[in-house]
């Protein structure tokens, strides 16, 4: 199977890391929120109901 890549507000973070907001279809967002979470922390509310949280890519 695979690991879930999009998370809603209130879900628990599966791993330690930095997560950013993305649009409904995975599109980029202008000035997205970014949060650093530890495994088990809950995701905060997004700025818009149509947005989700996802992993930030490593450079």
PDB file of N, CA and C in Angstrom:
ATOM      1  N   UNK A   1       0.855  -1.170   0.000  1.00  0.00           N
ATOM      2  CA  UNK A   1       0.000   0.000   0.000  1.00  0.00           C
ATOM      3  C   UNK A   1       0.895   1.224   0.000  1.00  0.00           C
ATOM      4  N   UNK A   2       0.715   2.117   0.772  1.00  0.00           N
ATOM      5  CA  UNK A   2       1.556   3.294   0.815  1.00  0.00           C
ATOM      6  C   UNK A   2       1.071   4.189   1.917  1.00  0.00           C
ATOM      7  N   UNK A   3       1.863   5.166   2.158  1.00  0.00           N
ATOM      8  CA  UNK A   3       1.490   6.092   3.209  1.00  0.00           C
ATOM      9  C   UNK A   3       0.636   7.218   2.654  1.00  0.00           C
ATOM     10  N   UNK A   4      -0.283   7.683   3.469  1.00  0.00           N
ATOM     11  CA  UNK A   4      -1.153   8.783   3.085  1.00  0.00           C
ATOM     12  C   UNK A   4      -0.312  10.047   2.907  1.00  0.00           C
ATOM     13  N   UNK A   5      -0.582  10.844   1.886  1.00  0.00           N
ATOM     14  CA  UNK A   5       0.229  12.024   1.609  1.00  0.00           C
ATOM     15  C   UNK A   5      -0.477  13.329   1.915  1.00  0.00           C
ATOM     16  N   UNK A   6      -1.802  13.319   2.006  1.00  0.00           N
ATOM     17  CA  UNK A   6      -2.563  14.532   2.328  1.00  0.00           C
ATOM     18  C   UNK A   6      -3.266  14.346   3.657  1.00  0.00           C
ATOM     19  N   UNK A   7      -3.265  15.401   4.449  1.00  0.00           N
ATOM     20  CA  UNK A   7      -3.840  15.317   5.783  1.00  0.00           C
ATOM     21  C   UNK A   7      -4.801  16.476   6.001  1.00  0.00           C
ATOM     22  N   UNK A   8      -5.844  16.232   6.762  1.00  0.00           N
ATOM     23  CA  UNK A   8      -6.832  17.254   7.096  1.00  0.00           C
ATOM     24  C   UNK A   8      -6.523  17.812   8.478  1.00  0.00           C
ATOM     25  N   UNK A   9      -7.109  18.953   8.800  1.00  0.00           N
ATOM     26  CA  UNK A   9      -6.967  19.545  10.132  1.00  0.00           C
ATOM     27  C   UNK A   9      -7.474  18.542  11.161  1.00  0.00           C
ATOM     28  N   UNK A  10      -6.725  18.381  12.241  1.00  0.00           N
ATOM     29  CA  UNK A  10      -7.122  17.455  13.296  1.00  0.00           C
ATOM     30  C   UNK A  10      -6.519  16.067  13.155  1.00  0.00           C
ATOM     31  N   UNK A  11      -6.022  15.701  11.965  1.00  0.00           N
ATOM     32  CA  UNK A  11      -5.349  14.408  11.801  1.00  0.00           C
ATOM     33  C   UNK A  11      -4.043  14.432  12.575  1.00  0.00           C
ATOM     34  N   UNK A  12      -3.515  13.250  12.863  1.00  0.00           N
ATOM     35  CA  UNK A  12      -2.225  13.157  13.548  1.00  0.00           C
ATOM     36  C   UNK A  12      -1.108  13.025  12.521  1.00  0.00           C
ATOM     37  N   UNK A  13       0.017  13.687  12.801  1.00  0.00           N
ATOM     38  CA  UNK A  13       1.178  13.606  11.911  1.00  0.00           C
ATOM     39  C   UNK A  13       1.802  12.210  12.044  1.00  0.00           C
ATOM     40  N   UNK A  14       2.083  11.546  10.926  1.00  0.00           N
ATOM     41  CA  UNK A  14       2.659  10.207  10.994  1.00  0.00           C
ATOM     42  C   UNK A  14       4.147  10.208  11.342  1.00  0.00           C
ATOM     43  N   UNK A  15       4.852  11.267  10.980  1.00  0.00           N
ATOM     44  CA  UNK A  15       6.298  11.343  11.192  1.00  0.00           C
ATOM     45  C   UNK A  15       6.695  12.753  11.614  1.00  0.00           C
ATOM     46  N   UNK A  16       7.889  12.877  12.161  1.00  0.00           N
ATOM     47  CA  UNK A  16       8.442  14.203  12.439  1.00  0.00           C
ATOM     48  C   UNK A  16       8.728  14.872  11.103  1.00  0.00           C
ATOM     49  N   UNK A  17       8.505  16.183  11.029  1.00  0.00           N
ATOM     50  CA  UNK A  17       8.833  16.870   9.790  1.00  0.00           C
ATOM     51  C   UNK A  17       8.124  18.192   9.651  1.00  0.00           C
ATOM     52  N   UNK A  18       8.347  18.820   8.500  1.00  0.00           N
ATOM     53  CA  UNK A  18       7.735  20.109   8.180  1.00  0.00           C
ATOM     54  C   UNK A  18       6.632  19.841   7.160  1.00  0.00           C
ATOM     55  N   UNK A  19       5.470  20.407   7.404  1.00  0.00           N
ATOM     56  CA  UNK A  19       4.310  20.226   6.543  1.00  0.00           C
ATOM     57  C   UNK A  19       3.848  21.590   6.053  1.00  0.00           C
ATOM     58  N   UNK A  20       3.334  21.641   4.812  1.00  0.00           N
ATOM     59  CA  UNK A  20       2.844  22.895   4.236  1.00  0.00           C
ATOM     60  C   UNK A  20       1.429  22.711   3.714  1.00  0.00           C
ATOM     61  N   UNK A  21       0.736  23.837   3.512  1.00  0.00           N
ATOM     62  CA  UNK A  21      -0.604  23.815   2.945  1.00  0.00           C
ATOM     63  C   UNK A  21      -0.521  23.668   1.428  1.00  0.00           C
ATOM     64  N   UNK A  22      -1.417  22.881   0.867  1.00  0.00           N
ATOM     65  CA  UNK A  22      -1.568  22.782  -0.579  1.00  0.00           C
ATOM     66  C   UNK A  22      -3.037  22.895  -0.920  1.00  0.00           C
ATOM     67  N   UNK A  23      -3.317  23.231  -2.170  1.00  0.00           N
ATOM     68  CA  UNK A  23      -4.695  23.357  -2.627  1.00  0.00           C
ATOM     69  C   UNK A  23      -5.384  22.008  -2.722  1.00  0.00           C
ATOM     70  N   UNK A  24      -6.641  22.034  -3.055  1.00  0.00           N
ATOM     71  CA  UNK A  24      -7.466  20.825  -3.113  1.00  0.00           C
ATOM     72  C   UNK A  24      -6.902  19.781  -4.063  1.00  0.00           C
ATOM     73  N   UNK A  25      -6.378  20.209  -5.197  1.00  0.00           N
ATOM     74  CA  UNK A  25      -5.835  19.273  -6.191  1.00  0.00           C
ATOM     75  C   UNK A  25      -4.326  19.131  -6.101  1.00  0.00           C
ATOM     76  N   UNK A  26      -3.724  19.559  -4.991  1.00  0.00           N
ATOM     77  CA  UNK A  26      -2.280  19.486  -4.839  1.00  0.00           C
ATOM     78  C   UNK A  26      -1.566  20.662  -5.461  1.00  0.00           C
ATOM     79  N   UNK A  27      -2.327  21.685  -5.854  1.00  0.00           N
ATOM     80  CA  UNK A  27      -1.717  22.853  -6.479  1.00  0.00           C
ATOM     81  C   UNK A  27      -1.038  23.727  -5.429  1.00  0.00           C
ATOM     82  N   UNK A  28      -0.114  24.532  -5.879  1.00  0.00           N
ATOM     83  CA  UNK A  28       0.606  25.414  -4.971  1.00  0.00           C
ATOM     84  C   UNK A  28      -0.295  26.538  -4.479  1.00  0.00           C
ATOM     85  N   UNK A  29       0.039  27.067  -3.309  1.00  0.00           N
ATOM     86  CA  UNK A  29      -0.718  28.135  -2.682  1.00  0.00           C
ATOM     87  C   UNK A  29       0.223  29.316  -2.493  1.00  0.00           C
ATOM     88  N   UNK A  30      -0.247  30.543  -2.720  1.00  0.00           N
ATOM     89  CA  UNK A  30       0.569  31.728  -2.491  1.00  0.00           C
ATOM     90  C   UNK A  30       0.688  31.932  -0.993  1.00  0.00           C
ATOM     91  N   UNK A  31       1.893  32.077  -0.486  1.00  0.00           N
ATOM     92  CA  UNK A  31       2.183  32.241   0.941  1.00  0.00           C
ATOM     93  C   UNK A  31       1.534  31.144   1.793  1.00  0.00           C
ATOM     94  N   UNK A  32       1.909  29.872   1.578  1.00  0.00           N
ATOM     95  CA  UNK A  32       1.304  28.787   2.349  1.00  0.00           C
ATOM     96  C   UNK A  32       1.799  28.791   3.799  1.00  0.00           C
ATOM     97  N   UNK A  33       0.949  28.313   4.702  1.00  0.00           N
ATOM     98  CA  UNK A  33       1.371  28.120   6.090  1.00  0.00           C
ATOM     99  C   UNK A  33       2.326  26.937   6.126  1.00  0.00           C
ATOM    100  N   UNK A  34       3.245  26.979   7.054  1.00  0.00           N
ATOM    101  CA  UNK A  34       4.192  25.900   7.232  1.00  0.00           C
ATOM    102  C   UNK A  34       4.294  25.601   8.724  1.00  0.00           C
ATOM    103  N   UNK A  35       4.256  24.320   9.107  1.00  0.00           N
ATOM    104  CA  UNK A  35       4.357  23.945  10.515  1.00  0.00           C
ATOM    105  C   UNK A  35       5.344  22.801  10.675  1.00  0.00           C
ATOM    106  N   UNK A  36       6.034  22.785  11.809  1.00  0.00           N
ATOM    107  CA  UNK A  36       6.930  21.682  12.150  1.00  0.00           C
ATOM    108  C   UNK A  36       6.211  20.860  13.215  1.00  0.00           C
ATOM    109  N   UNK A  37       6.003  19.580  12.916  1.00  0.00           N
ATOM    110  CA  UNK A  37       5.284  18.700  13.830  1.00  0.00           C
ATOM    111  C   UNK A  37       6.111  17.470  14.175  1.00  0.00           C
ATOM    112  N   UNK A  38       5.842  16.919  15.332  1.00  0.00           N
ATOM    113  CA  UNK A  38       6.428  15.643  15.731  1.00  0.00           C
ATOM    114  C   UNK A  38       5.373  14.575  15.520  1.00  0.00           C
ATOM    115  N   UNK A  39       5.802  13.342  15.409  1.00  0.00           N
ATOM    116  CA  UNK A  39       4.865  12.236  15.201  1.00  0.00           C
ATOM    117  C   UNK A  39       3.821  12.234  16.317  1.00  0.00           C
ATOM    118  N   UNK A  40       2.554  12.178  15.929  1.00  0.00           N
ATOM    119  CA  UNK A  40       1.461  12.148  16.891  1.00  0.00           C
ATOM    120  C   UNK A  40       0.828  13.497  17.166  1.00  0.00           C
ATOM    121  N   UNK A  41       1.492  14.598  16.769  1.00  0.00           N
ATOM    122  CA  UNK A  41       0.898  15.929  16.940  1.00  0.00           C
ATOM    123  C   UNK A  41      -0.273  16.082  15.968  1.00  0.00           C
ATOM    124  N   UNK A  42      -1.245  16.895  16.342  1.00  0.00           N
ATOM    125  CA  UNK A  42      -2.397  17.135  15.477  1.00  0.00           C
ATOM    126  C   UNK A  42      -2.123  18.297  14.536  1.00  0.00           C
ATOM    127  N   UNK A  43      -2.649  18.198  13.315  1.00  0.00           N
ATOM    128  CA  UNK A  43      -2.508  19.280  12.344  1.00  0.00           C
ATOM    129  C   UNK A  43      -3.416  20.440  12.725  1.00  0.00           C
ATOM    130  N   UNK A  44      -2.924  21.682  12.613  1.00  0.00           N
ATOM    131  CA  UNK A  44      -3.758  22.850  12.913  1.00  0.00           C
ATOM    132  C   UNK A  44      -4.751  23.126  11.777  1.00  0.00           C
ATOM    133  N   UNK A  45      -5.629  24.089  12.004  1.00  0.00           N
ATOM    134  CA  UNK A  45      -6.591  24.490  10.979  1.00  0.00           C
ATOM    135  C   UNK A  45      -5.853  25.127   9.796  1.00  0.00           C
ATOM    136  N   UNK A  46      -6.374  24.911   8.597  1.00  0.00           N
ATOM    137  CA  UNK A  46      -5.825  25.569   7.411  1.00  0.00           C
ATOM    138  C   UNK A  46      -6.486  26.933   7.251  1.00  0.00           C
ATOM    139  N   UNK A  47      -5.913  27.783   6.402  1.00  0.00           N
ATOM    140  CA  UNK A  47      -6.496  29.113   6.213  1.00  0.00           C
ATOM    141  C   UNK A  47      -7.746  29.086   5.345  1.00  0.00           C
ATOM    142  N   UNK A  48      -7.997  27.950   4.673  1.00  0.00           N
ATOM    143  CA  UNK A  48      -9.140  27.836   3.781  1.00  0.00           C
ATOM    144  C   UNK A  48      -9.646  26.387   3.873  1.00  0.00           C
ATOM    145  N   UNK A  49     -10.939  26.180   3.858  1.00  0.00           N
ATOM    146  CA  UNK A  49     -11.503  24.829   4.000  1.00  0.00           C
ATOM    147  C   UNK A  49     -11.116  23.886   2.870  1.00  0.00           C
ATOM    148  N   UNK A  50     -10.735  24.436   1.725  1.00  0.00           N
ATOM    149  CA  UNK A  50     -10.404  23.598   0.574  1.00  0.00           C
ATOM    150  C   UNK A  50      -8.933  23.197   0.533  1.00  0.00           C
ATOM    151  N   UNK A  51      -8.200  23.468   1.588  1.00  0.00           N
ATOM    152  CA  UNK A  51      -6.769  23.143   1.614  1.00  0.00           C
ATOM    153  C   UNK A  51      -6.481  21.940   2.493  1.00  0.00           C
ATOM    154  N   UNK A  52      -5.328  21.312   2.227  1.00  0.00           N
ATOM    155  CA  UNK A  52      -4.866  20.142   2.968  1.00  0.00           C
ATOM    156  C   UNK A  52      -3.423  20.381   3.393  1.00  0.00           C
ATOM    157  N   UNK A  53      -2.923  19.525   4.250  1.00  0.00           N
ATOM    158  CA  UNK A  53      -1.519  19.545   4.651  1.00  0.00           C
ATOM    159  C   UNK A  53      -0.785  18.424   3.924  1.00  0.00           C
ATOM    160  N   UNK A  54       0.471  18.666   3.563  1.00  0.00           N
ATOM    161  CA  UNK A  54       1.306  17.628   2.952  1.00  0.00           C
ATOM    162  C   UNK A  54       2.755  17.856   3.361  1.00  0.00           C
ATOM    163  N   UNK A  55       3.592  16.860   3.111  1.00  0.00           N
ATOM    164  CA  UNK A  55       5.024  16.982   3.418  1.00  0.00           C
ATOM    165  C   UNK A  55       5.653  18.071   2.586  1.00  0.00           C
ATOM    166  N   UNK A  56       6.596  18.803   3.180  1.00  0.00           N
ATOM    167  CA  UNK A  56       7.386  19.745   2.381  1.00  0.00           C
ATOM    168  C   UNK A  56       8.534  18.979   1.757  1.00  0.00           C
ATOM    169  N   UNK A  57       8.762  19.215   0.493  1.00  0.00           N
ATOM    170  CA  UNK A  57       9.856  18.526  -0.208  1.00  0.00           C
ATOM    171  C   UNK A  57      11.200  18.960   0.342  1.00  0.00           C
ATOM    172  N   UNK A  58      12.116  18.037   0.369  1.00  0.00           N
ATOM    173  CA  UNK A  58      13.478  18.361   0.787  1.00  0.00           C
ATOM    174  C   UNK A  58      14.225  18.955  -0.398  1.00  0.00           C
ATOM    175  N   UNK A  59      15.033  19.967  -0.168  1.00  0.00           N
ATOM    176  CA  UNK A  59      15.770  20.574  -1.295  1.00  0.00           C
ATOM    177  C   UNK A  59      16.837  19.687  -1.854  1.00  0.00           C
TER     178      UNK A  59
END
